[in-house]
Amino acid sequence: MSQYSVKMLVADDSRTVQLFFKNIVECSSMPIELITADTGRECMMFLEQGGIDLAFIDVNMPEMSGMEAVGRARFKGNKTFVTLMSGKASVPRYELARQIRAYEYLVKPFKAADIEAILKTYRRVSVRMKTLIVDDTRTIRRIIRRVLDRSVFRLAIEEAADGESALAHFSDGGFDLVFLDCNMPGLDGIATLEAIRRREPQVKVIMMSAERNEDRVCTALELGANAFLDKPFFAGDIDRALHVALGLKLPKLASYEAAAAKNAPGLVPDPLDPATSWANAVCADEAASFDGAGVKFDEID
């Protein structure tokens, strides 16, 4: 097996499911080393040992649930790209899947195309993207960097304080992705977008603004912006925007998260200090992640 092979764990006590994945691996153009586990404890052992790049894990397995196996491994620092599988879905399961930072939750029976879409996303996620944050406020750039650090995508981040500085960064080398604020002194976001498009037509540009202005959104998209984010935004918003920009299938968990966010009370920024309001919300979002304690996995239904 090539040293560049992706190590993929399939944890499911069904031989039929294991054979299903074996057939997908044999037909895949991606070099994959397939590892299987029949129980939750065996799954947890593989995850804790490290070296597993991505995993498809059944929720209901002997000895320990798949969710508990992932949760315990996450508590010890595991960052494997995980997709959960089950014949049953429920709001508590979706919520816990988000807490343990699962990428997707597939409901059986699913198709080979569903697995191939996740493999395509993993291939893209595993490649680090050179990213530029352009915003004239240092505090806001720091908050955005913190949000980006929680994205499922791997981003190598640089910063620029204005449009002119952003274009100077391009003189030193290209970028894969730019987060560009609309409202900046001097060369504003729209003018900077046009200049970037002339120089680097292939770069993905995501515009940002704290002001709700539909005309500006339409103008930015017409000029080649790939997406438009309203501040404040969070890691889930980033991931959804990047899936669209990169032509990747959006996971069902992301759709659930978007629906939950829509129904939840929104962040009301302090008009006197919106940056602090956003920073505090980012801290709360980070704190909501699984911390390895207090969750009774066997009571999740």
C-alpha atoms as a PDB file:
ATOM      1  CA  MET A   1       0.000   0.000   0.000  1.00  0.00           C
ATOM      2  CA  SER A   2       1.321   3.433  -0.959  1.00  0.00           C
ATOM      3  CA  GLN A   3       2.582   5.621   1.853  1.00  0.00           C
ATOM      4  CA  TYR A   4       0.286   8.343   0.479  1.00  0.00           C
ATOM      5  CA  SER A   5      -2.837   6.232   0.939  1.00  0.00           C
ATOM      6  CA  VAL A   6      -5.683   7.698   2.946  1.00  0.00           C
ATOM      7  CA  LYS A   7      -6.486   5.585   6.001  1.00  0.00           C
ATOM      8  CA  MET A   8     -10.247   5.107   6.167  1.00  0.00           C
ATOM      9  CA  LEU A   9     -11.994   3.429   9.071  1.00  0.00           C
ATOM     10  CA  VAL A  10     -15.383   1.765   8.610  1.00  0.00           C
ATOM     11  CA  ALA A  11     -16.870   0.850  11.990  1.00  0.00           C
ATOM     12  CA  ASP A  12     -20.011  -1.242  11.602  1.00  0.00           C
ATOM     13  CA  ASP A  13     -20.879  -4.724  12.846  1.00  0.00           C
ATOM     14  CA  SER A  14     -22.663  -5.495   9.555  1.00  0.00           C
ATOM     15  CA  ARG A  15     -20.554  -7.461   7.051  1.00  0.00           C
ATOM     16  CA  THR A  16     -22.857  -6.219   4.306  1.00  0.00           C
ATOM     17  CA  VAL A  17     -21.974  -2.609   5.136  1.00  0.00           C
ATOM     18  CA  GLN A  18     -18.271  -3.412   5.302  1.00  0.00           C
ATOM     19  CA  LEU A  19     -18.457  -5.115   1.884  1.00  0.00           C
ATOM     20  CA  PHE A  20     -20.346  -2.095   0.511  1.00  0.00           C
ATOM     21  CA  PHE A  21     -17.463   0.177   1.514  1.00  0.00           C
ATOM     22  CA  LYS A  22     -14.870  -2.311   0.260  1.00  0.00           C
ATOM     23  CA  ASN A  23     -16.423  -2.144  -3.204  1.00  0.00           C
ATOM     24  CA  ILE A  24     -16.386   1.660  -3.136  1.00  0.00           C
ATOM     25  CA  VAL A  25     -12.712   1.718  -2.124  1.00  0.00           C
ATOM     26  CA  GLU A  26     -11.782  -0.689  -4.926  1.00  0.00           C
ATOM     27  CA  CYS A  27     -13.487   1.548  -7.497  1.00  0.00           C
ATOM     28  CA  SER A  28     -12.187   4.850  -6.110  1.00  0.00           C
ATOM     29  CA  SER A  29      -9.451   6.848  -7.853  1.00  0.00           C
ATOM     30  CA  MET A  30      -8.259   7.902  -4.395  1.00  0.00           C
ATOM     31  CA  PRO A  31      -5.651   5.528  -2.880  1.00  0.00           C
ATOM     32  CA  ILE A  32      -7.376   4.279   0.274  1.00  0.00           C
ATOM     33  CA  GLU A  33      -6.304   1.834   2.954  1.00  0.00           C
ATOM     34  CA  LEU A  34      -9.498   0.363   4.415  1.00  0.00           C
ATOM     35  CA  ILE A  35      -9.610  -0.526   8.115  1.00  0.00           C
ATOM     36  CA  THR A  36     -12.697  -2.116   9.685  1.00  0.00           C
ATOM     37  CA  ALA A  37     -14.008  -2.347  13.235  1.00  0.00           C
ATOM     38  CA  ASP A  38     -16.894  -4.512  14.490  1.00  0.00           C
ATOM     39  CA  THR A  39     -17.495  -2.909  17.899  1.00  0.00           C
ATOM     40  CA  GLY A  40     -17.592   0.536  19.433  1.00  0.00           C
ATOM     41  CA  ARG A  41     -14.597  -0.174  21.643  1.00  0.00           C
ATOM     42  CA  GLU A  42     -12.530  -1.345  18.694  1.00  0.00           C
ATOM     43  CA  CYS A  43     -13.550   1.822  16.839  1.00  0.00           C
ATOM     44  CA  MET A  44     -12.480   3.992  19.770  1.00  0.00           C
ATOM     45  CA  MET A  45      -9.148   2.162  19.962  1.00  0.00           C
ATOM     46  CA  PHE A  46      -8.388   2.875  16.284  1.00  0.00           C
ATOM     47  CA  LEU A  47      -9.332   6.542  16.675  1.00  0.00           C
ATOM     48  CA  GLU A  48      -7.266   7.005  19.831  1.00  0.00           C
ATOM     49  CA  GLN A  49      -4.232   5.329  18.256  1.00  0.00           C
ATOM     50  CA  GLY A  50      -4.223   8.076  15.630  1.00  0.00           C
ATOM     51  CA  GLY A  51      -3.446   7.922  11.938  1.00  0.00           C
ATOM     52  CA  ILE A  52      -7.058   7.530  10.788  1.00  0.00           C
ATOM     53  CA  ASP A  53      -7.782  10.225   8.212  1.00  0.00           C
ATOM     54  CA  LEU A  54     -11.504   9.725   7.775  1.00  0.00           C
ATOM     55  CA  ALA A  55     -14.075   7.396   9.264  1.00  0.00           C
ATOM     56  CA  PHE A  56     -17.598   6.148   8.660  1.00  0.00           C
ATOM     57  CA  ILE A  57     -18.991   5.046  12.006  1.00  0.00           C
ATOM     58  CA  ASP A  58     -22.286   3.341  12.812  1.00  0.00           C
ATOM     59  CA  VAL A  59     -24.123   4.850  15.762  1.00  0.00           C
ATOM     60  CA  ASN A  60     -25.407   1.517  17.105  1.00  0.00           C
ATOM     61  CA  MET A  61     -22.644  -1.022  17.683  1.00  0.00           C
ATOM     62  CA  PRO A  62     -21.899  -3.708  20.299  1.00  0.00           C
ATOM     63  CA  GLU A  63     -20.041  -2.737  23.500  1.00  0.00           C
ATOM     64  CA  MET A  64     -20.166   1.021  22.893  1.00  0.00           C
ATOM     65  CA  SER A  65     -22.138   3.368  20.639  1.00  0.00           C
ATOM     66  CA  GLY A  66     -20.364   4.969  17.719  1.00  0.00           C
ATOM     67  CA  MET A  67     -21.141   8.407  19.113  1.00  0.00           C
ATOM     68  CA  GLU A  68     -19.535   7.580  22.441  1.00  0.00           C
ATOM     69  CA  ALA A  69     -16.473   6.172  20.665  1.00  0.00           C
ATOM     70  CA  VAL A  70     -16.077   9.399  18.702  1.00  0.00           C
ATOM     71  CA  GLY A  71     -16.823  11.557  21.742  1.00  0.00           C
ATOM     72  CA  ARG A  72     -14.180   9.858  23.874  1.00  0.00           C
ATOM     73  CA  ALA A  73     -11.620  10.126  21.073  1.00  0.00           C
ATOM     74  CA  ARG A  74     -12.450  13.815  20.553  1.00  0.00           C
ATOM     75  CA  PHE A  75     -11.874  14.446  24.258  1.00  0.00           C
ATOM     76  CA  LYS A  76      -8.330  13.127  23.781  1.00  0.00           C
ATOM     77  CA  GLY A  77      -7.698  15.422  20.830  1.00  0.00           C
ATOM     78  CA  ASN A  78      -8.716  13.269  17.867  1.00  0.00           C
ATOM     79  CA  LYS A  79      -9.546  15.283  14.731  1.00  0.00           C
ATOM     80  CA  THR A  80     -10.546  12.546  12.285  1.00  0.00           C
ATOM     81  CA  PHE A  81     -13.000  13.552   9.549  1.00  0.00           C
ATOM     82  CA  VAL A  82     -16.021  11.583  10.786  1.00  0.00           C
ATOM     83  CA  THR A  83     -19.308  10.628   9.176  1.00  0.00           C
ATOM     84  CA  LEU A  84     -21.885   8.921  11.402  1.00  0.00           C
ATOM     85  CA  MET A  85     -24.299   6.288  10.043  1.00  0.00           C
ATOM     86  CA  SER A  86     -27.576   4.917  11.371  1.00  0.00           C
ATOM     87  CA  GLY A  87     -30.958   3.590  10.370  1.00  0.00           C
ATOM     88  CA  LYS A  88     -32.510   6.243  12.583  1.00  0.00           C
ATOM     89  CA  ALA A  89     -32.258  10.007  12.818  1.00  0.00           C
ATOM     90  CA  SER A  90     -33.609  12.391  15.444  1.00  0.00           C
ATOM     91  CA  VAL A  91     -33.026  15.941  16.622  1.00  0.00           C
ATOM     92  CA  PRO A  92     -31.040  14.813  19.733  1.00  0.00           C
ATOM     93  CA  ARG A  93     -28.826  12.643  17.515  1.00  0.00           C
ATOM     94  CA  TYR A  94     -28.201  15.480  15.066  1.00  0.00           C
ATOM     95  CA  GLU A  95     -27.403  17.811  17.936  1.00  0.00           C
ATOM     96  CA  LEU A  96     -24.929  15.405  19.515  1.00  0.00           C
ATOM     97  CA  ALA A  97     -23.372  14.713  16.110  1.00  0.00           C
ATOM     98  CA  ARG A  98     -22.680  18.450  15.836  1.00  0.00           C
ATOM     99  CA  GLN A  99     -21.255  18.594  19.353  1.00  0.00           C
ATOM    100  CA  ILE A 100     -18.764  15.804  18.644  1.00  0.00           C
ATOM    101  CA  ARG A 101     -17.867  17.565  15.379  1.00  0.00           C
ATOM    102  CA  ALA A 102     -19.107  14.935  12.958  1.00  0.00           C
ATOM    103  CA  TYR A 103     -19.050  16.136   9.367  1.00  0.00           C
ATOM    104  CA  GLU A 104     -22.166  14.248   8.295  1.00  0.00           C
ATOM    105  CA  TYR A 105     -24.935  11.963   9.559  1.00  0.00           C
ATOM    106  CA  LEU A 106     -26.067   9.445   6.927  1.00  0.00           C
ATOM    107  CA  VAL A 107     -29.356   7.604   7.323  1.00  0.00           C
ATOM    108  CA  LYS A 108     -29.347   4.022   6.049  1.00  0.00           C
ATOM    109  CA  PRO A 109     -29.880   2.900   3.392  1.00  0.00           C
ATOM    110  CA  PHE A 110     -27.648   5.321   1.506  1.00  0.00           C
ATOM    111  CA  LYS A 111     -26.034   5.099  -1.918  1.00  0.00           C
ATOM    112  CA  ALA A 112     -22.482   4.856  -3.176  1.00  0.00           C
ATOM    113  CA  ALA A 113     -22.902   8.376  -4.552  1.00  0.00           C
ATOM    114  CA  ASP A 114     -23.370   9.684  -0.978  1.00  0.00           C
ATOM    115  CA  ILE A 115     -20.035   8.157   0.058  1.00  0.00           C
ATOM    116  CA  GLU A 116     -18.302   9.373  -3.092  1.00  0.00           C
ATOM    117  CA  ALA A 117     -19.498  12.931  -2.390  1.00  0.00           C
ATOM    118  CA  ILE A 118     -17.981  12.778   1.106  1.00  0.00           C
ATOM    119  CA  LEU A 119     -14.722  11.390  -0.302  1.00  0.00           C
ATOM    120  CA  LYS A 120     -14.658  14.294  -2.777  1.00  0.00           C
ATOM    121  CA  THR A 121     -15.138  16.761   0.061  1.00  0.00           C
ATOM    122  CA  TYR A 122     -12.440  15.092   2.159  1.00  0.00           C
ATOM    123  CA  ARG A 123     -10.012  15.317  -0.764  1.00  0.00           C
ATOM    124  CA  ARG A 124     -10.689  19.065  -0.958  1.00  0.00           C
ATOM    125  CA  VAL A 125     -10.676  19.626   2.802  1.00  0.00           C
ATOM    126  CA  SER A 126      -7.334  17.886   3.228  1.00  0.00           C
ATOM    127  CA  VAL A 127      -5.598  20.394   0.934  1.00  0.00           C
ATOM    128  CA  ARG A 128      -4.647  23.564   2.780  1.00  0.00           C
ATOM    129  CA  MET A 129      -6.003  26.708   1.107  1.00  0.00           C
ATOM    130  CA  LYS A 130      -4.001  29.929   1.164  1.00  0.00           C
ATOM    131  CA  THR A 131      -6.455  32.460   2.572  1.00  0.00           C
ATOM    132  CA  LEU A 132      -6.459  36.252   2.887  1.00  0.00           C
ATOM    133  CA  ILE A 133      -8.651  38.197   5.339  1.00  0.00           C
ATOM    134  CA  VAL A 134      -9.178  41.811   4.244  1.00  0.00           C
ATOM    135  CA  ASP A 135     -10.740  44.127   6.827  1.00  0.00           C
ATOM    136  CA  ASP A 136      -9.717  47.569   8.061  1.00  0.00           C
ATOM    137  CA  THR A 137     -10.330  46.724  11.751  1.00  0.00           C
ATOM    138  CA  ARG A 138      -7.666  44.643  13.469  1.00  0.00           C
ATOM    139  CA  THR A 139     -10.079  43.356  16.127  1.00  0.00           C
ATOM    140  CA  ILE A 140     -12.503  42.152  13.453  1.00  0.00           C
ATOM    141  CA  ARG A 141      -9.684  40.423  11.551  1.00  0.00           C
ATOM    142  CA  ARG A 142      -8.730  38.613  14.749  1.00  0.00           C
ATOM    143  CA  ILE A 143     -12.338  37.490  15.316  1.00  0.00           C
ATOM    144  CA  ILE A 144     -12.672  36.290  11.713  1.00  0.00           C
ATOM    145  CA  ARG A 145      -9.413  34.355  12.019  1.00  0.00           C
ATOM    146  CA  ARG A 146     -10.776  32.680  15.144  1.00  0.00           C
ATOM    147  CA  VAL A 147     -13.982  31.739  13.334  1.00  0.00           C
ATOM    148  CA  LEU A 148     -12.026  30.363  10.365  1.00  0.00           C
ATOM    149  CA  ASP A 149      -9.910  28.223  12.685  1.00  0.00           C
ATOM    150  CA  ARG A 150     -13.088  26.274  13.546  1.00  0.00           C
ATOM    151  CA  SER A 151     -13.954  25.560   9.922  1.00  0.00           C
ATOM    152  CA  VAL A 152     -13.764  21.996   8.618  1.00  0.00           C
ATOM    153  CA  PHE A 153     -11.554  23.367   5.836  1.00  0.00           C
ATOM    154  CA  ARG A 154      -7.801  23.774   6.353  1.00  0.00           C
ATOM    155  CA  LEU A 155      -6.873  27.407   5.854  1.00  0.00           C
ATOM    156  CA  ALA A 156      -3.429  29.040   5.891  1.00  0.00           C
ATOM    157  CA  ILE A 157      -4.383  32.585   6.835  1.00  0.00           C
ATOM    158  CA  GLU A 158      -2.799  35.967   6.091  1.00  0.00           C
ATOM    159  CA  GLU A 159      -4.279  39.405   6.768  1.00  0.00           C
ATOM    160  CA  ALA A 160      -4.540  42.772   5.010  1.00  0.00           C
ATOM    161  CA  ALA A 161      -5.904  46.009   6.500  1.00  0.00           C
ATOM    162  CA  ASP A 162      -7.228  47.579   3.275  1.00  0.00           C
ATOM    163  CA  GLY A 163      -7.746  47.054  -0.441  1.00  0.00           C
ATOM    164  CA  GLU A 164      -4.352  48.375  -1.470  1.00  0.00           C
ATOM    165  CA  SER A 165      -2.572  46.064   0.986  1.00  0.00           C
ATOM    166  CA  ALA A 166      -4.642  43.127  -0.265  1.00  0.00           C
ATOM    167  CA  LEU A 167      -3.531  43.725  -3.845  1.00  0.00           C
ATOM    168  CA  ALA A 168       0.083  44.034  -2.662  1.00  0.00           C
ATOM    169  CA  HIS A 169      -0.272  40.584  -1.053  1.00  0.00           C
ATOM    170  CA  PHE A 170      -1.249  39.214  -4.462  1.00  0.00           C
ATOM    171  CA  SER A 171       1.988  40.583  -5.895  1.00  0.00           C
ATOM    172  CA  ASP A 172       3.859  38.236  -3.554  1.00  0.00           C
ATOM    173  CA  GLY A 173       1.855  35.175  -4.633  1.00  0.00           C
ATOM    174  CA  GLY A 174      -1.667  34.020  -5.339  1.00  0.00           C
ATOM    175  CA  PHE A 175      -4.392  32.997  -2.915  1.00  0.00           C
ATOM    176  CA  ASP A 176      -7.043  30.313  -3.087  1.00  0.00           C
ATOM    177  CA  LEU A 177      -9.571  32.169  -0.980  1.00  0.00           C
ATOM    178  CA  VAL A 178     -10.255  35.775   0.070  1.00  0.00           C
ATOM    179  CA  PHE A 179     -12.618  37.069   2.759  1.00  0.00           C
ATOM    180  CA  LEU A 180     -13.172  40.671   1.712  1.00  0.00           C
ATOM    181  CA  ASP A 181     -14.953  43.385   3.700  1.00  0.00           C
ATOM    182  CA  CYS A 182     -17.175  45.735   1.715  1.00  0.00           C
ATOM    183  CA  ASN A 183     -16.767  48.873   3.801  1.00  0.00           C
ATOM    184  CA  MET A 184     -13.156  50.024   3.877  1.00  0.00           C
ATOM    185  CA  PRO A 185     -11.515  53.440   3.537  1.00  0.00           C
ATOM    186  CA  GLY A 186      -9.637  54.113   0.327  1.00  0.00           C
ATOM    187  CA  LEU A 187     -10.122  51.245  -2.105  1.00  0.00           C
ATOM    188  CA  ASP A 188     -13.408  49.737  -0.929  1.00  0.00           C
ATOM    189  CA  GLY A 189     -14.416  46.088  -1.111  1.00  0.00           C
ATOM    190  CA  ILE A 190     -16.241  46.266  -4.440  1.00  0.00           C
ATOM    191  CA  ALA A 191     -13.316  48.028  -6.149  1.00  0.00           C
ATOM    192  CA  THR A 192     -10.895  45.554  -4.578  1.00  0.00           C
ATOM    193  CA  LEU A 193     -13.036  42.648  -5.799  1.00  0.00           C
ATOM    194  CA  GLU A 194     -12.881  43.977  -9.364  1.00  0.00           C
ATOM    195  CA  ALA A 195      -9.089  44.351  -9.160  1.00  0.00           C
ATOM    196  CA  ILE A 196      -8.665  40.843  -7.738  1.00  0.00           C
ATOM    197  CA  ARG A 197     -10.872  39.379 -10.476  1.00  0.00           C
ATOM    198  CA  ARG A 198      -8.679  41.031 -13.154  1.00  0.00           C
ATOM    199  CA  ARG A 199      -5.507  39.615 -11.597  1.00  0.00           C
ATOM    200  CA  GLU A 200      -6.674  36.221 -10.277  1.00  0.00           C
ATOM    201  CA  PRO A 201      -9.950  35.154 -11.930  1.00  0.00           C
ATOM    202  CA  GLN A 202      -9.812  31.688 -10.351  1.00  0.00           C
ATOM    203  CA  VAL A 203      -9.587  32.802  -6.696  1.00  0.00           C
ATOM    204  CA  LYS A 204     -12.703  32.281  -4.544  1.00  0.00           C
ATOM    205  CA  VAL A 205     -13.885  35.570  -3.019  1.00  0.00           C
ATOM    206  CA  ILE A 206     -16.363  35.760  -0.138  1.00  0.00           C
ATOM    207  CA  MET A 207     -17.583  39.265   0.596  1.00  0.00           C
ATOM    208  CA  MET A 208     -18.456  40.388   4.138  1.00  0.00           C
ATOM    209  CA  SER A 209     -20.422  43.281   5.568  1.00  0.00           C
ATOM    210  CA  ALA A 210     -22.043  44.383   8.803  1.00  0.00           C
ATOM    211  CA  GLU A 211     -24.577  46.420   6.817  1.00  0.00           C
ATOM    212  CA  ARG A 212     -27.606  44.737   5.229  1.00  0.00           C
ATOM    213  CA  ASN A 213     -27.741  46.064   1.663  1.00  0.00           C
ATOM    214  CA  GLU A 214     -29.322  43.822  -0.999  1.00  0.00           C
ATOM    215  CA  ASP A 215     -28.199  46.059  -3.869  1.00  0.00           C
ATOM    216  CA  ARG A 216     -24.580  45.729  -2.736  1.00  0.00           C
ATOM    217  CA  VAL A 217     -24.951  41.950  -2.422  1.00  0.00           C
ATOM    218  CA  CYS A 218     -26.295  41.722  -5.971  1.00  0.00           C
ATOM    219  CA  THR A 219     -23.491  43.960  -7.271  1.00  0.00           C
ATOM    220  CA  ALA A 220     -20.803  41.861  -5.570  1.00  0.00           C
ATOM    221  CA  LEU A 221     -22.211  38.608  -6.933  1.00  0.00           C
ATOM    222  CA  GLU A 222     -22.518  40.065 -10.433  1.00  0.00           C
ATOM    223  CA  LEU A 223     -18.859  41.126 -10.270  1.00  0.00           C
ATOM    224  CA  GLY A 224     -17.756  37.586  -9.432  1.00  0.00           C
ATOM    225  CA  ALA A 225     -18.003  37.168  -5.659  1.00  0.00           C
ATOM    226  CA  ASN A 226     -18.676  33.521  -4.803  1.00  0.00           C
ATOM    227  CA  ALA A 227     -20.686  34.236  -1.678  1.00  0.00           C
ATOM    228  CA  PHE A 228     -21.726  37.052   0.647  1.00  0.00           C
ATOM    229  CA  LEU A 229     -21.687  36.759   4.449  1.00  0.00           C
ATOM    230  CA  ASP A 230     -23.425  39.122   6.832  1.00  0.00           C
ATOM    231  CA  LYS A 231     -21.450  39.867   9.992  1.00  0.00           C
ATOM    232  CA  PRO A 232     -21.526  38.373  12.529  1.00  0.00           C
ATOM    233  CA  PHE A 233     -21.018  34.886  11.086  1.00  0.00           C
ATOM    234  CA  PHE A 234     -19.732  31.625  12.519  1.00  0.00           C
ATOM    235  CA  ALA A 235     -17.876  28.472  11.462  1.00  0.00           C
ATOM    236  CA  GLY A 236     -21.023  26.798  10.126  1.00  0.00           C
ATOM    237  CA  ASP A 237     -21.706  29.799   7.880  1.00  0.00           C
ATOM    238  CA  ILE A 238     -18.136  29.588   6.558  1.00  0.00           C
ATOM    239  CA  ASP A 239     -18.439  25.886   5.799  1.00  0.00           C
ATOM    240  CA  ARG A 240     -21.743  26.303   3.972  1.00  0.00           C
ATOM    241  CA  ALA A 241     -20.347  29.162   1.884  1.00  0.00           C
ATOM    242  CA  LEU A 242     -17.198  27.201   0.988  1.00  0.00           C
ATOM    243  CA  HIS A 243     -19.160  24.090  -0.002  1.00  0.00           C
ATOM    244  CA  VAL A 244     -21.132  26.209  -2.462  1.00  0.00           C
ATOM    245  CA  ALA A 245     -18.064  28.098  -3.724  1.00  0.00           C
ATOM    246  CA  LEU A 246     -16.104  24.874  -4.289  1.00  0.00           C
ATOM    247  CA  GLY A 247     -18.986  22.952  -5.853  1.00  0.00           C
ATOM    248  CA  LEU A 248     -19.218  20.414  -3.031  1.00  0.00           C
ATOM    249  CA  LYS A 249     -22.365  18.679  -1.842  1.00  0.00           C
ATOM    250  CA  LEU A 250     -23.621  20.286   1.360  1.00  0.00           C
ATOM    251  CA  PRO A 251     -23.883  17.752   4.226  1.00  0.00           C
ATOM    252  CA  LYS A 252     -27.288  17.203   5.804  1.00  0.00           C
ATOM    253  CA  LEU A 253     -25.867  18.221   9.169  1.00  0.00           C
ATOM    254  CA  ALA A 254     -25.065  21.649   7.749  1.00  0.00           C
ATOM    255  CA  SER A 255     -28.675  21.995   6.608  1.00  0.00           C
ATOM    256  CA  TYR A 256     -29.860  20.994  10.078  1.00  0.00           C
ATOM    257  CA  GLU A 257     -27.503  23.510  11.667  1.00  0.00           C
ATOM    258  CA  ALA A 258     -28.744  26.266   9.358  1.00  0.00           C
ATOM    259  CA  ALA A 259     -32.370  25.470  10.234  1.00  0.00           C
ATOM    260  CA  ALA A 260     -31.556  25.406  13.953  1.00  0.00           C
ATOM    261  CA  ALA A 261     -29.749  28.742  13.703  1.00  0.00           C
ATOM    262  CA  LYS A 262     -32.691  30.252  11.825  1.00  0.00           C
ATOM    263  CA  ASN A 263     -35.109  29.238  14.580  1.00  0.00           C
ATOM    264  CA  ALA A 264     -32.798  30.220  17.428  1.00  0.00           C
ATOM    265  CA  PRO A 265     -32.630  33.741  18.880  1.00  0.00           C
ATOM    266  CA  GLY A 266     -30.163  35.718  16.815  1.00  0.00           C
ATOM    267  CA  LEU A 267     -27.136  37.578  18.089  1.00  0.00           C
ATOM    268  CA  VAL A 268     -28.053  41.160  18.898  1.00  0.00           C
ATOM    269  CA  PRO A 269     -24.831  43.178  18.603  1.00  0.00           C
ATOM    270  CA  ASP A 270     -24.114  45.938  21.071  1.00  0.00           C
ATOM    271  CA  PRO A 271     -24.352  49.087  18.894  1.00  0.00           C
ATOM    272  CA  LEU A 272     -21.581  50.665  20.958  1.00  0.00           C
ATOM    273  CA  ASP A 273     -19.254  47.662  20.756  1.00  0.00           C
ATOM    274  CA  PRO A 274     -20.330  45.153  18.064  1.00  0.00           C
ATOM    275  CA  ALA A 275     -16.874  43.537  17.927  1.00  0.00           C
ATOM    276  CA  THR A 276     -17.063  42.508  21.592  1.00  0.00           C
ATOM    277  CA  SER A 277     -20.578  41.127  21.073  1.00  0.00           C
ATOM    278  CA  TRP A 278     -19.309  39.015  18.176  1.00  0.00           C
ATOM    279  CA  ALA A 279     -16.218  37.865  20.076  1.00  0.00           C
ATOM    280  CA  ASN A 280     -18.358  36.786  23.033  1.00  0.00           C
ATOM    281  CA  ALA A 281     -20.684  34.858  20.703  1.00  0.00           C
ATOM    282  CA  VAL A 282     -17.690  33.083  19.134  1.00  0.00           C
ATOM    283  CA  CYS A 283     -16.529  32.071  22.625  1.00  0.00           C
ATOM    284  CA  ALA A 284     -20.010  30.721  23.379  1.00  0.00           C
ATOM    285  CA  ASP A 285     -19.983  28.772  20.099  1.00  0.00           C
ATOM    286  CA  GLU A 286     -16.625  27.229  20.994  1.00  0.00           C
ATOM    287  CA  ALA A 287     -17.844  26.355  24.492  1.00  0.00           C
ATOM    288  CA  ALA A 288     -20.844  24.528  23.012  1.00  0.00           C
ATOM    289  CA  SER A 289     -18.525  21.906  21.501  1.00  0.00           C
ATOM    290  CA  PHE A 290     -18.204  18.534  23.188  1.00  0.00           C
ATOM    291  CA  ASP A 291     -16.007  18.626  26.296  1.00  0.00           C
ATOM    292  CA  GLY A 292     -16.056  14.914  27.116  1.00  0.00           C
ATOM    293  CA  ALA A 293     -18.124  15.173  30.258  1.00  0.00           C
ATOM    294  CA  GLY A 294     -21.758  15.090  31.263  1.00  0.00           C
ATOM    295  CA  VAL A 295     -23.194  13.497  28.113  1.00  0.00           C
ATOM    296  CA  LYS A 296     -25.075  10.219  28.592  1.00  0.00           C
ATOM    297  CA  PHE A 297     -24.748   8.685  25.136  1.00  0.00           C
ATOM    298  CA  ASP A 298     -27.018   5.739  25.903  1.00  0.00           C
ATOM    299  CA  GLU A 299     -29.893   8.136  26.585  1.00  0.00           C
ATOM    300  CA  ILE A 300     -29.682   9.822  23.181  1.00  0.00           C
ATOM    301  CA  ASP A 301     -32.633   8.861  20.994  1.00  0.00           C
END
